[in-house]
Amino acid sequence: MQKNISIIVPIYNEELSINSLYEEIKKNVLDTFNQYEIIFIDDGSNDKSYEIINQLASNDASIIAIKLNRNYGKSDALNEGFKLAQYEYVATLDGDLQDDPNEIIKLVDTLDDGWDCVSGWKKNRKDPYSKTIPSFFFNKFINFFSGLKLHDLNCGIKVYRKDAIQSLNIYGGLHRYIPLLLFNNGYRVTESIVNHRSRKYGQTKYGKSRFFHGIFDFLTIYFLKKYFNKPMYFFGSIGFLLSFLGLLINLYLSILWFQGTYIGSRPLFFLGILLIVVGIQSLSIGLIGELIVNNGRKKSKKIKEIIHKK
């Protein structure tokens, strides 16, 4: 069976590595596939990255060069590439030459064993401890709370089936969680050990704040997974609790009032009213959320395959 692949490479200030990466892909990877395309996305680089990929595209019809308006981040760059990918296999790798393009072939073979996403695992990672140690604890944290057991969730080199990856909308910092997002949507996800190389050119984009941003992004995913299809469970629970506390407070004050105690100027009186009002508002938000979700259910695609023998 002949295979076709789209290779997506997000670029940000990688002018020194682009040509070498292109030559590696062309020499060692593309001969394995019948049809292919390489999609370079320049994410607002301030060096000559776009000029280089534009020149490559003018000389090679299999290359698509994209320039974003500004530096949106890796998630948005990948998302634009996913939208344009036209072949059944979609591979991603970083543009800094640390990901070995030769691994794409092995990942595709693993994908053919019945998976929808194969994520690379940099088991012998060639990065400083300032990156590997936070990454280790980050992956352990995600594994514990998500149920998806991957050693290297944020590895740059991955291979997907097109229908799986195009079912997602990636933004912000969610590119770190693409395997988890697919896993939550019912797709089959695994990992495979890949070769990792030391950085040859440029500087790492890894910052100290990235670890904490990753945790916040995971909390967003966890919340959406748990309550996206049932917002009333979340907002309704909060609304009921607040309203109940407000009613208890006002019931207590009502008893005092019947006993002749003046309650009109008590802060507790206003707190009880506030809790009831906020509780009703929370219940209303839950109902509106249910209406929105119900409308979205009618449009969402849930069926993956239908086999009908007459």
C-alpha atoms as a PDB file:
ATOM      1  CA  MET A   1       0.000   0.000   0.000  1.00  0.00           C
ATOM      2  CA  GLN A   2       1.424   3.361  -1.028  1.00  0.00           C
ATOM      3  CA  LYS A   3       1.406   6.045   1.647  1.00  0.00           C
ATOM      4  CA  ASN A   4       1.003   9.800   1.422  1.00  0.00           C
ATOM      5  CA  ILE A   5       2.171  12.223   4.105  1.00  0.00           C
ATOM      6  CA  SER A   6       1.997  15.863   5.133  1.00  0.00           C
ATOM      7  CA  ILE A   7       4.969  17.028   7.222  1.00  0.00           C
ATOM      8  CA  ILE A   8       4.346  20.161   9.279  1.00  0.00           C
ATOM      9  CA  VAL A   9       7.258  22.211  10.608  1.00  0.00           C
ATOM     10  CA  PRO A  10       6.587  25.317  12.751  1.00  0.00           C
ATOM     11  CA  ILE A  11       9.430  27.817  12.463  1.00  0.00           C
ATOM     12  CA  TYR A  12      10.453  30.659  14.744  1.00  0.00           C
ATOM     13  CA  ASN A  13      13.878  32.209  14.196  1.00  0.00           C
ATOM     14  CA  GLU A  14      15.474  29.058  12.792  1.00  0.00           C
ATOM     15  CA  GLU A  15      17.259  30.536   9.760  1.00  0.00           C
ATOM     16  CA  LEU A  16      20.416  28.507  10.362  1.00  0.00           C
ATOM     17  CA  SER A  17      18.724  25.109  10.519  1.00  0.00           C
ATOM     18  CA  ILE A  18      15.984  25.243   7.854  1.00  0.00           C
ATOM     19  CA  ASN A  19      18.064  24.221   4.841  1.00  0.00           C
ATOM     20  CA  SER A  20      19.720  21.346   6.701  1.00  0.00           C
ATOM     21  CA  LEU A  21      16.353  20.120   7.940  1.00  0.00           C
ATOM     22  CA  TYR A  22      14.877  20.259   4.445  1.00  0.00           C
ATOM     23  CA  GLU A  23      17.783  18.308   2.991  1.00  0.00           C
ATOM     24  CA  GLU A  24      17.461  15.632   5.681  1.00  0.00           C
ATOM     25  CA  ILE A  25      13.746  15.222   5.062  1.00  0.00           C
ATOM     26  CA  LYS A  26      14.173  15.112   1.308  1.00  0.00           C
ATOM     27  CA  LYS A  27      17.101  12.682   1.359  1.00  0.00           C
ATOM     28  CA  ASN A  28      16.028  10.226   4.059  1.00  0.00           C
ATOM     29  CA  VAL A  29      12.241  10.376   4.394  1.00  0.00           C
ATOM     30  CA  LEU A  30      10.326  11.320   1.280  1.00  0.00           C
ATOM     31  CA  ASP A  31      11.349   8.366  -0.902  1.00  0.00           C
ATOM     32  CA  THR A  32       9.307   6.130   1.394  1.00  0.00           C
ATOM     33  CA  PHE A  33       6.060   7.875   0.437  1.00  0.00           C
ATOM     34  CA  ASN A  34       4.104   8.065  -2.793  1.00  0.00           C
ATOM     35  CA  GLN A  35       2.915  11.654  -2.374  1.00  0.00           C
ATOM     36  CA  TYR A  36       4.056  14.192   0.159  1.00  0.00           C
ATOM     37  CA  GLU A  37       4.117  17.833   1.145  1.00  0.00           C
ATOM     38  CA  ILE A  38       6.214  19.819   3.600  1.00  0.00           C
ATOM     39  CA  ILE A  39       4.358  22.688   5.263  1.00  0.00           C
ATOM     40  CA  PHE A  40       6.666  25.271   6.822  1.00  0.00           C
ATOM     41  CA  ILE A  41       4.863  27.806   9.037  1.00  0.00           C
ATOM     42  CA  ASP A  42       6.829  30.908   9.964  1.00  0.00           C
ATOM     43  CA  ASP A  43       5.441  32.058  13.304  1.00  0.00           C
ATOM     44  CA  GLY A  44       6.430  35.706  13.070  1.00  0.00           C
ATOM     45  CA  SER A  45      10.200  35.223  12.931  1.00  0.00           C
ATOM     46  CA  ASN A  46      12.353  38.356  13.034  1.00  0.00           C
ATOM     47  CA  ASP A  47      15.259  36.762  11.174  1.00  0.00           C
ATOM     48  CA  LYS A  48      15.421  35.452   7.596  1.00  0.00           C
ATOM     49  CA  SER A  49      13.443  32.265   8.226  1.00  0.00           C
ATOM     50  CA  TYR A  50      10.547  33.169   5.943  1.00  0.00           C
ATOM     51  CA  GLU A  51      12.825  34.271   3.113  1.00  0.00           C
ATOM     52  CA  ILE A  52      14.526  30.871   3.271  1.00  0.00           C
ATOM     53  CA  ILE A  53      11.334  28.766   3.275  1.00  0.00           C
ATOM     54  CA  ASN A  54       9.874  31.006   0.574  1.00  0.00           C
ATOM     55  CA  GLN A  55      12.942  30.322  -1.591  1.00  0.00           C
ATOM     56  CA  LEU A  56      12.614  26.588  -0.939  1.00  0.00           C
ATOM     57  CA  ALA A  57       8.950  26.695  -1.950  1.00  0.00           C
ATOM     58  CA  SER A  58       9.780  28.464  -5.190  1.00  0.00           C
ATOM     59  CA  ASN A  59      12.161  25.635  -6.110  1.00  0.00           C
ATOM     60  CA  ASP A  60      10.145  22.663  -4.830  1.00  0.00           C
ATOM     61  CA  ALA A  61       6.435  22.286  -5.584  1.00  0.00           C
ATOM     62  CA  SER A  62       5.989  19.932  -2.615  1.00  0.00           C
ATOM     63  CA  ILE A  63       6.767  22.739  -0.156  1.00  0.00           C
ATOM     64  CA  ILE A  64       4.124  25.091   1.213  1.00  0.00           C
ATOM     65  CA  ALA A  65       5.462  28.242   2.907  1.00  0.00           C
ATOM     66  CA  ILE A  66       3.163  30.062   5.327  1.00  0.00           C
ATOM     67  CA  LYS A  67       3.849  33.338   7.113  1.00  0.00           C
ATOM     68  CA  LEU A  68       1.706  34.311  10.102  1.00  0.00           C
ATOM     69  CA  ASN A  69       0.936  37.958  10.850  1.00  0.00           C
ATOM     70  CA  ARG A  70       2.921  37.873  14.077  1.00  0.00           C
ATOM     71  CA  ASN A  71       4.294  35.474  16.666  1.00  0.00           C
ATOM     72  CA  TYR A  72       1.121  33.695  17.817  1.00  0.00           C
ATOM     73  CA  GLY A  73       2.883  30.696  19.347  1.00  0.00           C
ATOM     74  CA  LYS A  74       3.475  27.099  18.389  1.00  0.00           C
ATOM     75  CA  SER A  75      -0.130  25.998  18.904  1.00  0.00           C
ATOM     76  CA  ASP A  76      -1.536  28.449  16.379  1.00  0.00           C
ATOM     77  CA  ALA A  77       1.234  27.687  13.895  1.00  0.00           C
ATOM     78  CA  LEU A  78       0.518  23.957  14.094  1.00  0.00           C
ATOM     79  CA  ASN A  79      -3.217  24.539  13.867  1.00  0.00           C
ATOM     80  CA  GLU A  80      -2.843  26.402  10.588  1.00  0.00           C
ATOM     81  CA  GLY A  81      -0.703  23.587   9.264  1.00  0.00           C
ATOM     82  CA  PHE A  82      -3.242  20.958  10.302  1.00  0.00           C
ATOM     83  CA  LYS A  83      -5.959  22.819   8.402  1.00  0.00           C
ATOM     84  CA  LEU A  84      -3.912  22.692   5.199  1.00  0.00           C
ATOM     85  CA  ALA A  85      -2.686  19.093   5.473  1.00  0.00           C
ATOM     86  CA  GLN A  86      -4.208  17.031   2.663  1.00  0.00           C
ATOM     87  CA  TYR A  87      -2.713  13.540   3.075  1.00  0.00           C
ATOM     88  CA  GLU A  88      -3.815  10.692   5.333  1.00  0.00           C
ATOM     89  CA  TYR A  89      -0.641  10.756   7.459  1.00  0.00           C
ATOM     90  CA  VAL A  90       0.304  13.998   9.220  1.00  0.00           C
ATOM     91  CA  ALA A  91       3.714  14.360  10.877  1.00  0.00           C
ATOM     92  CA  THR A  92       5.050  17.221  12.980  1.00  0.00           C
ATOM     93  CA  LEU A  93       8.584  18.035  14.033  1.00  0.00           C
ATOM     94  CA  ASP A  94      10.398  21.085  15.326  1.00  0.00           C
ATOM     95  CA  GLY A  95      12.617  23.159  13.103  1.00  0.00           C
ATOM     96  CA  ASP A  96      15.698  23.227  15.344  1.00  0.00           C
ATOM     97  CA  LEU A  97      17.204  19.918  14.111  1.00  0.00           C
ATOM     98  CA  GLN A  98      16.865  18.278  17.528  1.00  0.00           C
ATOM     99  CA  ASP A  99      14.096  16.036  16.179  1.00  0.00           C
ATOM    100  CA  ASP A 100      15.445  13.381  13.819  1.00  0.00           C
ATOM    101  CA  PRO A 101      13.318  13.316  10.614  1.00  0.00           C
ATOM    102  CA  ASN A 102      14.307   9.693  10.002  1.00  0.00           C
ATOM    103  CA  GLU A 103      12.053   8.711  12.902  1.00  0.00           C
ATOM    104  CA  ILE A 104       8.958   9.687  10.905  1.00  0.00           C
ATOM    105  CA  ILE A 105       9.096   6.414   8.954  1.00  0.00           C
ATOM    106  CA  LYS A 106       9.154   4.333  12.150  1.00  0.00           C
ATOM    107  CA  LEU A 107       6.302   6.338  13.684  1.00  0.00           C
ATOM    108  CA  VAL A 108       4.165   5.857  10.563  1.00  0.00           C
ATOM    109  CA  ASP A 109       4.788   2.103  10.720  1.00  0.00           C
ATOM    110  CA  THR A 110       3.663   2.118  14.356  1.00  0.00           C
ATOM    111  CA  LEU A 111       0.594   4.141  13.419  1.00  0.00           C
ATOM    112  CA  ASP A 112      -0.371   1.392  10.974  1.00  0.00           C
ATOM    113  CA  ASP A 113      -0.640  -1.043  13.894  1.00  0.00           C
ATOM    114  CA  GLY A 114      -4.026   0.482  14.689  1.00  0.00           C
ATOM    115  CA  TRP A 115      -3.207   3.799  16.356  1.00  0.00           C
ATOM    116  CA  ASP A 116      -4.466   7.315  15.621  1.00  0.00           C
ATOM    117  CA  CYS A 117      -1.519   9.152  17.161  1.00  0.00           C
ATOM    118  CA  VAL A 118       2.059   8.065  17.823  1.00  0.00           C
ATOM    119  CA  SER A 119       4.042  10.461  19.984  1.00  0.00           C
ATOM    120  CA  GLY A 120       7.811  10.417  20.143  1.00  0.00           C
ATOM    121  CA  TRP A 121       9.595   9.645  23.398  1.00  0.00           C
ATOM    122  CA  LYS A 122      13.005  11.280  23.771  1.00  0.00           C
ATOM    123  CA  LYS A 123      14.284   8.579  26.131  1.00  0.00           C
ATOM    124  CA  ASN A 124      17.880   9.754  25.785  1.00  0.00           C
ATOM    125  CA  ARG A 125      17.179  13.455  25.768  1.00  0.00           C
ATOM    126  CA  LYS A 126      20.028  15.812  24.795  1.00  0.00           C
ATOM    127  CA  ASP A 127      18.894  18.839  26.773  1.00  0.00           C
ATOM    128  CA  PRO A 128      20.177  20.587  29.927  1.00  0.00           C
ATOM    129  CA  TYR A 129      18.819  19.632  33.341  1.00  0.00           C
ATOM    130  CA  SER A 130      16.939  22.942  33.460  1.00  0.00           C
ATOM    131  CA  LYS A 131      14.624  21.436  30.835  1.00  0.00           C
ATOM    132  CA  THR A 132      14.679  17.714  31.575  1.00  0.00           C
ATOM    133  CA  ILE A 133      13.939  17.872  35.317  1.00  0.00           C
ATOM    134  CA  PRO A 134      10.832  20.131  35.071  1.00  0.00           C
ATOM    135  CA  SER A 135       9.679  18.071  32.086  1.00  0.00           C
ATOM    136  CA  PHE A 136      10.006  14.838  34.084  1.00  0.00           C
ATOM    137  CA  PHE A 137       7.798  16.084  36.923  1.00  0.00           C
ATOM    138  CA  PHE A 138       5.390  17.701  34.471  1.00  0.00           C
ATOM    139  CA  ASN A 139       4.833  14.406  32.646  1.00  0.00           C
ATOM    140  CA  LYS A 140       4.415  12.514  35.923  1.00  0.00           C
ATOM    141  CA  PHE A 141       1.800  15.042  37.038  1.00  0.00           C
ATOM    142  CA  ILE A 142      -0.151  14.780  33.781  1.00  0.00           C
ATOM    143  CA  ASN A 143       0.045  10.977  33.739  1.00  0.00           C
ATOM    144  CA  PHE A 144      -1.304  10.751  37.276  1.00  0.00           C
ATOM    145  CA  PHE A 145      -4.329  12.972  36.716  1.00  0.00           C
ATOM    146  CA  SER A 146      -5.166  12.231  33.075  1.00  0.00           C
ATOM    147  CA  GLY A 147      -4.882   8.448  32.827  1.00  0.00           C
ATOM    148  CA  LEU A 148      -2.797   8.712  29.636  1.00  0.00           C
ATOM    149  CA  LYS A 149       0.568   7.061  30.274  1.00  0.00           C
ATOM    150  CA  LEU A 150       3.150   8.803  28.087  1.00  0.00           C
ATOM    151  CA  HIS A 151       6.739   9.525  29.068  1.00  0.00           C
ATOM    152  CA  ASP A 152       7.153  12.598  26.861  1.00  0.00           C
ATOM    153  CA  LEU A 153       3.868  14.349  26.179  1.00  0.00           C
ATOM    154  CA  ASN A 154       5.450  17.418  24.605  1.00  0.00           C
ATOM    155  CA  CYS A 155       7.853  15.715  22.202  1.00  0.00           C
ATOM    156  CA  GLY A 156       7.921  17.707  18.970  1.00  0.00           C
ATOM    157  CA  ILE A 157       7.928  14.756  16.582  1.00  0.00           C
ATOM    158  CA  LYS A 158       4.582  12.984  16.256  1.00  0.00           C
ATOM    159  CA  VAL A 159       2.518  11.286  13.570  1.00  0.00           C
ATOM    160  CA  TYR A 160      -1.279  11.388  13.305  1.00  0.00           C
ATOM    161  CA  ARG A 161      -4.095  10.240  11.112  1.00  0.00           C
ATOM    162  CA  LYS A 162      -5.501  13.260   9.327  1.00  0.00           C
ATOM    163  CA  ASP A 163      -9.094  12.772  10.461  1.00  0.00           C
ATOM    164  CA  ALA A 164      -7.925  12.596  14.087  1.00  0.00           C
ATOM    165  CA  ILE A 165      -5.753  15.698  14.150  1.00  0.00           C
ATOM    166  CA  GLN A 166      -8.172  17.782  12.102  1.00  0.00           C
ATOM    167  CA  SER A 167     -10.872  17.106  14.693  1.00  0.00           C
ATOM    168  CA  LEU A 168      -9.019  19.396  17.129  1.00  0.00           C
ATOM    169  CA  ASN A 169      -8.733  23.158  17.429  1.00  0.00           C
ATOM    170  CA  ILE A 170      -5.328  23.945  18.943  1.00  0.00           C
ATOM    171  CA  TYR A 171      -4.653  27.341  20.524  1.00  0.00           C
ATOM    172  CA  GLY A 172      -2.717  28.950  23.365  1.00  0.00           C
ATOM    173  CA  GLY A 173      -0.411  26.324  24.835  1.00  0.00           C
ATOM    174  CA  LEU A 174      -2.533  23.294  23.961  1.00  0.00           C
ATOM    175  CA  HIS A 175       0.040  21.904  21.514  1.00  0.00           C
ATOM    176  CA  ARG A 176       1.649  20.269  24.574  1.00  0.00           C
ATOM    177  CA  TYR A 177      -1.514  18.259  25.094  1.00  0.00           C
ATOM    178  CA  ILE A 178      -2.451  17.105  21.595  1.00  0.00           C
ATOM    179  CA  PRO A 179      -2.103  13.389  22.517  1.00  0.00           C
ATOM    180  CA  LEU A 180      -4.223  13.967  25.633  1.00  0.00           C
ATOM    181  CA  LEU A 181      -6.881  15.879  23.682  1.00  0.00           C
ATOM    182  CA  LEU A 182      -7.085  13.040  21.168  1.00  0.00           C
ATOM    183  CA  PHE A 183      -7.187  10.485  23.987  1.00  0.00           C
ATOM    184  CA  ASN A 184     -10.071  12.350  25.627  1.00  0.00           C
ATOM    185  CA  ASN A 185     -11.940  12.289  22.305  1.00  0.00           C
ATOM    186  CA  GLY A 186     -11.675   8.514  22.057  1.00  0.00           C
ATOM    187  CA  TYR A 187      -8.713   8.215  19.682  1.00  0.00           C
ATOM    188  CA  ARG A 188      -5.989   5.622  20.210  1.00  0.00           C
ATOM    189  CA  VAL A 189      -2.682   7.091  21.375  1.00  0.00           C
ATOM    190  CA  THR A 190       0.709   5.485  21.964  1.00  0.00           C
ATOM    191  CA  GLU A 191       4.389   6.425  21.967  1.00  0.00           C
ATOM    192  CA  SER A 192       7.622   5.228  20.409  1.00  0.00           C
ATOM    193  CA  ILE A 193      11.232   5.908  21.381  1.00  0.00           C
ATOM    194  CA  VAL A 194      12.914   8.373  19.022  1.00  0.00           C
ATOM    195  CA  ASN A 195      16.411   9.694  18.535  1.00  0.00           C
ATOM    196  CA  HIS A 196      17.039  13.121  20.009  1.00  0.00           C
ATOM    197  CA  ARG A 197      19.927  15.392  19.132  1.00  0.00           C
ATOM    198  CA  SER A 198      21.694  18.287  20.789  1.00  0.00           C
ATOM    199  CA  ARG A 199      20.776  21.774  19.682  1.00  0.00           C
ATOM    200  CA  LYS A 200      23.134  22.862  16.940  1.00  0.00           C
ATOM    201  CA  TYR A 201      21.905  26.364  16.146  1.00  0.00           C
ATOM    202  CA  GLY A 202      20.053  29.139  17.929  1.00  0.00           C
ATOM    203  CA  GLN A 203      18.649  29.259  21.434  1.00  0.00           C
ATOM    204  CA  THR A 204      15.937  27.276  23.172  1.00  0.00           C
ATOM    205  CA  LYS A 205      12.446  28.830  23.369  1.00  0.00           C
ATOM    206  CA  TYR A 206      11.917  27.126  26.741  1.00  0.00           C
ATOM    207  CA  GLY A 207      11.233  29.629  29.531  1.00  0.00           C
ATOM    208  CA  LYS A 208      10.818  29.260  33.288  1.00  0.00           C
ATOM    209  CA  SER A 209       7.151  30.250  33.070  1.00  0.00           C
ATOM    210  CA  ARG A 210       6.393  27.455  30.609  1.00  0.00           C
ATOM    211  CA  PHE A 211       6.128  24.832  33.354  1.00  0.00           C
ATOM    212  CA  PHE A 212       3.423  26.791  35.189  1.00  0.00           C
ATOM    213  CA  HIS A 213       1.616  27.703  31.973  1.00  0.00           C
ATOM    214  CA  GLY A 214       1.527  23.999  31.176  1.00  0.00           C
ATOM    215  CA  ILE A 215      -0.160  23.240  34.500  1.00  0.00           C
ATOM    216  CA  PHE A 216      -2.789  25.928  33.883  1.00  0.00           C
ATOM    217  CA  ASP A 217      -3.434  24.586  30.379  1.00  0.00           C
ATOM    218  CA  PHE A 218      -3.911  21.100  31.825  1.00  0.00           C
ATOM    219  CA  LEU A 219      -6.430  22.408  34.363  1.00  0.00           C
ATOM    220  CA  THR A 220      -8.333  23.956  31.443  1.00  0.00           C
ATOM    221  CA  ILE A 221      -8.375  20.623  29.611  1.00  0.00           C
ATOM    222  CA  TYR A 222      -9.397  18.762  32.766  1.00  0.00           C
ATOM    223  CA  PHE A 223     -12.259  21.184  33.384  1.00  0.00           C
ATOM    224  CA  LEU A 224     -13.463  21.006  29.773  1.00  0.00           C
ATOM    225  CA  LYS A 225     -13.329  17.217  29.774  1.00  0.00           C
ATOM    226  CA  LYS A 226     -15.310  16.950  32.984  1.00  0.00           C
ATOM    227  CA  TYR A 227     -17.916  19.663  32.430  1.00  0.00           C
ATOM    228  CA  PHE A 228     -17.944  20.686  28.750  1.00  0.00           C
ATOM    229  CA  ASN A 229     -20.870  18.391  27.895  1.00  0.00           C
ATOM    230  CA  LYS A 230     -22.655  18.945  31.211  1.00  0.00           C
ATOM    231  CA  PRO A 231     -22.118  22.555  32.366  1.00  0.00           C
ATOM    232  CA  MET A 232     -25.176  22.380  34.609  1.00  0.00           C
ATOM    233  CA  TYR A 233     -23.326  19.882  36.824  1.00  0.00           C
ATOM    234  CA  PHE A 234     -20.685  22.509  37.578  1.00  0.00           C
ATOM    235  CA  PHE A 235     -22.615  25.773  37.643  1.00  0.00           C
ATOM    236  CA  GLY A 236     -25.736  24.122  39.035  1.00  0.00           C
ATOM    237  CA  SER A 237     -23.822  22.630  41.965  1.00  0.00           C
ATOM    238  CA  ILE A 238     -22.274  25.990  42.805  1.00  0.00           C
ATOM    239  CA  GLY A 239     -25.609  27.760  42.386  1.00  0.00           C
ATOM    240  CA  PHE A 240     -27.453  25.289  44.576  1.00  0.00           C
ATOM    241  CA  LEU A 241     -24.802  25.463  47.311  1.00  0.00           C
ATOM    242  CA  LEU A 242     -24.736  29.271  47.389  1.00  0.00           C
ATOM    243  CA  SER A 243     -28.519  29.579  47.305  1.00  0.00           C
ATOM    244  CA  PHE A 244     -28.878  26.991  50.068  1.00  0.00           C
ATOM    245  CA  LEU A 245     -26.374  28.830  52.283  1.00  0.00           C
ATOM    246  CA  GLY A 246     -28.175  32.106  51.593  1.00  0.00           C
ATOM    247  CA  LEU A 247     -31.524  30.576  52.526  1.00  0.00           C
ATOM    248  CA  LEU A 248     -30.090  29.146  55.752  1.00  0.00           C
ATOM    249  CA  ILE A 249     -28.680  32.559  56.723  1.00  0.00           C
ATOM    250  CA  ASN A 250     -31.960  34.338  55.983  1.00  0.00           C
ATOM    251  CA  LEU A 251     -33.929  31.631  57.779  1.00  0.00           C
ATOM    252  CA  TYR A 252     -31.789  32.191  60.861  1.00  0.00           C
ATOM    253  CA  LEU A 253     -32.285  35.955  60.623  1.00  0.00           C
ATOM    254  CA  SER A 254     -36.021  35.504  60.110  1.00  0.00           C
ATOM    255  CA  ILE A 255     -36.235  33.604  63.389  1.00  0.00           C
ATOM    256  CA  LEU A 256     -34.425  36.483  65.103  1.00  0.00           C
ATOM    257  CA  TRP A 257     -36.796  38.965  63.475  1.00  0.00           C
ATOM    258  CA  PHE A 258     -39.850  37.071  64.752  1.00  0.00           C
ATOM    259  CA  GLN A 259     -38.265  37.254  68.211  1.00  0.00           C
ATOM    260  CA  GLY A 260     -38.161  41.032  67.927  1.00  0.00           C
ATOM    261  CA  THR A 261     -34.540  41.550  66.889  1.00  0.00           C
ATOM    262  CA  TYR A 262     -33.881  44.232  64.255  1.00  0.00           C
ATOM    263  CA  ILE A 263     -31.940  42.652  61.351  1.00  0.00           C
ATOM    264  CA  GLY A 264     -32.121  45.322  58.602  1.00  0.00           C
ATOM    265  CA  SER A 265     -28.607  46.679  59.188  1.00  0.00           C
ATOM    266  CA  ARG A 266     -26.852  43.381  59.804  1.00  0.00           C
ATOM    267  CA  PRO A 267     -24.097  42.488  57.285  1.00  0.00           C
ATOM    268  CA  LEU A 268     -25.226  38.866  57.543  1.00  0.00           C
ATOM    269  CA  PHE A 269     -28.602  39.881  56.108  1.00  0.00           C
ATOM    270  CA  PHE A 270     -27.000  41.337  52.979  1.00  0.00           C
ATOM    271  CA  LEU A 271     -24.670  38.350  52.693  1.00  0.00           C
ATOM    272  CA  GLY A 272     -27.649  35.989  52.656  1.00  0.00           C
ATOM    273  CA  ILE A 273     -29.365  37.979  49.906  1.00  0.00           C
ATOM    274  CA  LEU A 274     -26.107  38.152  47.905  1.00  0.00           C
ATOM    275  CA  LEU A 275     -25.590  34.387  48.108  1.00  0.00           C
ATOM    276  CA  ILE A 276     -29.123  33.725  46.878  1.00  0.00           C
ATOM    277  CA  VAL A 277     -28.754  36.151  43.954  1.00  0.00           C
ATOM    278  CA  VAL A 278     -25.349  34.782  42.921  1.00  0.00           C
ATOM    279  CA  GLY A 279     -26.664  31.228  43.266  1.00  0.00           C
ATOM    280  CA  ILE A 280     -29.593  31.954  40.957  1.00  0.00           C
ATOM    281  CA  GLN A 281     -27.218  33.576  38.468  1.00  0.00           C
ATOM    282  CA  SER A 282     -24.973  30.501  38.541  1.00  0.00           C
ATOM    283  CA  LEU A 283     -27.972  28.240  37.898  1.00  0.00           C
ATOM    284  CA  SER A 284     -28.947  30.478  34.980  1.00  0.00           C
ATOM    285  CA  ILE A 285     -25.434  30.243  33.516  1.00  0.00           C
ATOM    286  CA  GLY A 286     -25.656  26.453  33.771  1.00  0.00           C
ATOM    287  CA  LEU A 287     -28.973  26.458  31.885  1.00  0.00           C
ATOM    288  CA  ILE A 288     -27.553  28.708  29.153  1.00  0.00           C
ATOM    289  CA  GLY A 289     -24.530  26.426  28.913  1.00  0.00           C
ATOM    290  CA  GLU A 290     -26.811  23.412  28.488  1.00  0.00           C
ATOM    291  CA  LEU A 291     -28.617  25.165  25.628  1.00  0.00           C
ATOM    292  CA  ILE A 292     -25.315  25.948  23.894  1.00  0.00           C
ATOM    293  CA  VAL A 293     -23.978  22.410  24.358  1.00  0.00           C
ATOM    294  CA  ASN A 294     -27.250  20.890  23.164  1.00  0.00           C
ATOM    295  CA  ASN A 295     -27.054  22.961  19.986  1.00  0.00           C
ATOM    296  CA  GLY A 296     -23.437  21.881  19.477  1.00  0.00           C
ATOM    297  CA  ARG A 297     -24.311  18.200  19.898  1.00  0.00           C
ATOM    298  CA  LYS A 298     -26.562  18.388  16.861  1.00  0.00           C
ATOM    299  CA  LYS A 299     -23.607  19.520  14.702  1.00  0.00           C
ATOM    300  CA  SER A 300     -20.789  17.385  16.124  1.00  0.00           C
ATOM    301  CA  LYS A 301     -19.497  14.308  14.333  1.00  0.00           C
ATOM    302  CA  LYS A 302     -19.481  11.246  16.582  1.00  0.00           C
ATOM    303  CA  ILE A 303     -19.526   8.363  14.090  1.00  0.00           C
ATOM    304  CA  LYS A 304     -16.083   7.280  12.921  1.00  0.00           C
ATOM    305  CA  GLU A 305     -17.014   4.413  10.588  1.00  0.00           C
ATOM    306  CA  ILE A 306     -20.094   2.593   9.293  1.00  0.00           C
ATOM    307  CA  ILE A 307     -19.950  -0.873   7.796  1.00  0.00           C
ATOM    308  CA  HIS A 308     -23.140  -2.101   6.172  1.00  0.00           C
ATOM    309  CA  LYS A 309     -23.402  -5.450   4.463  1.00  0.00           C
ATOM    310  CA  LYS A 310     -26.574  -5.926   2.439  1.00  0.00           C
END
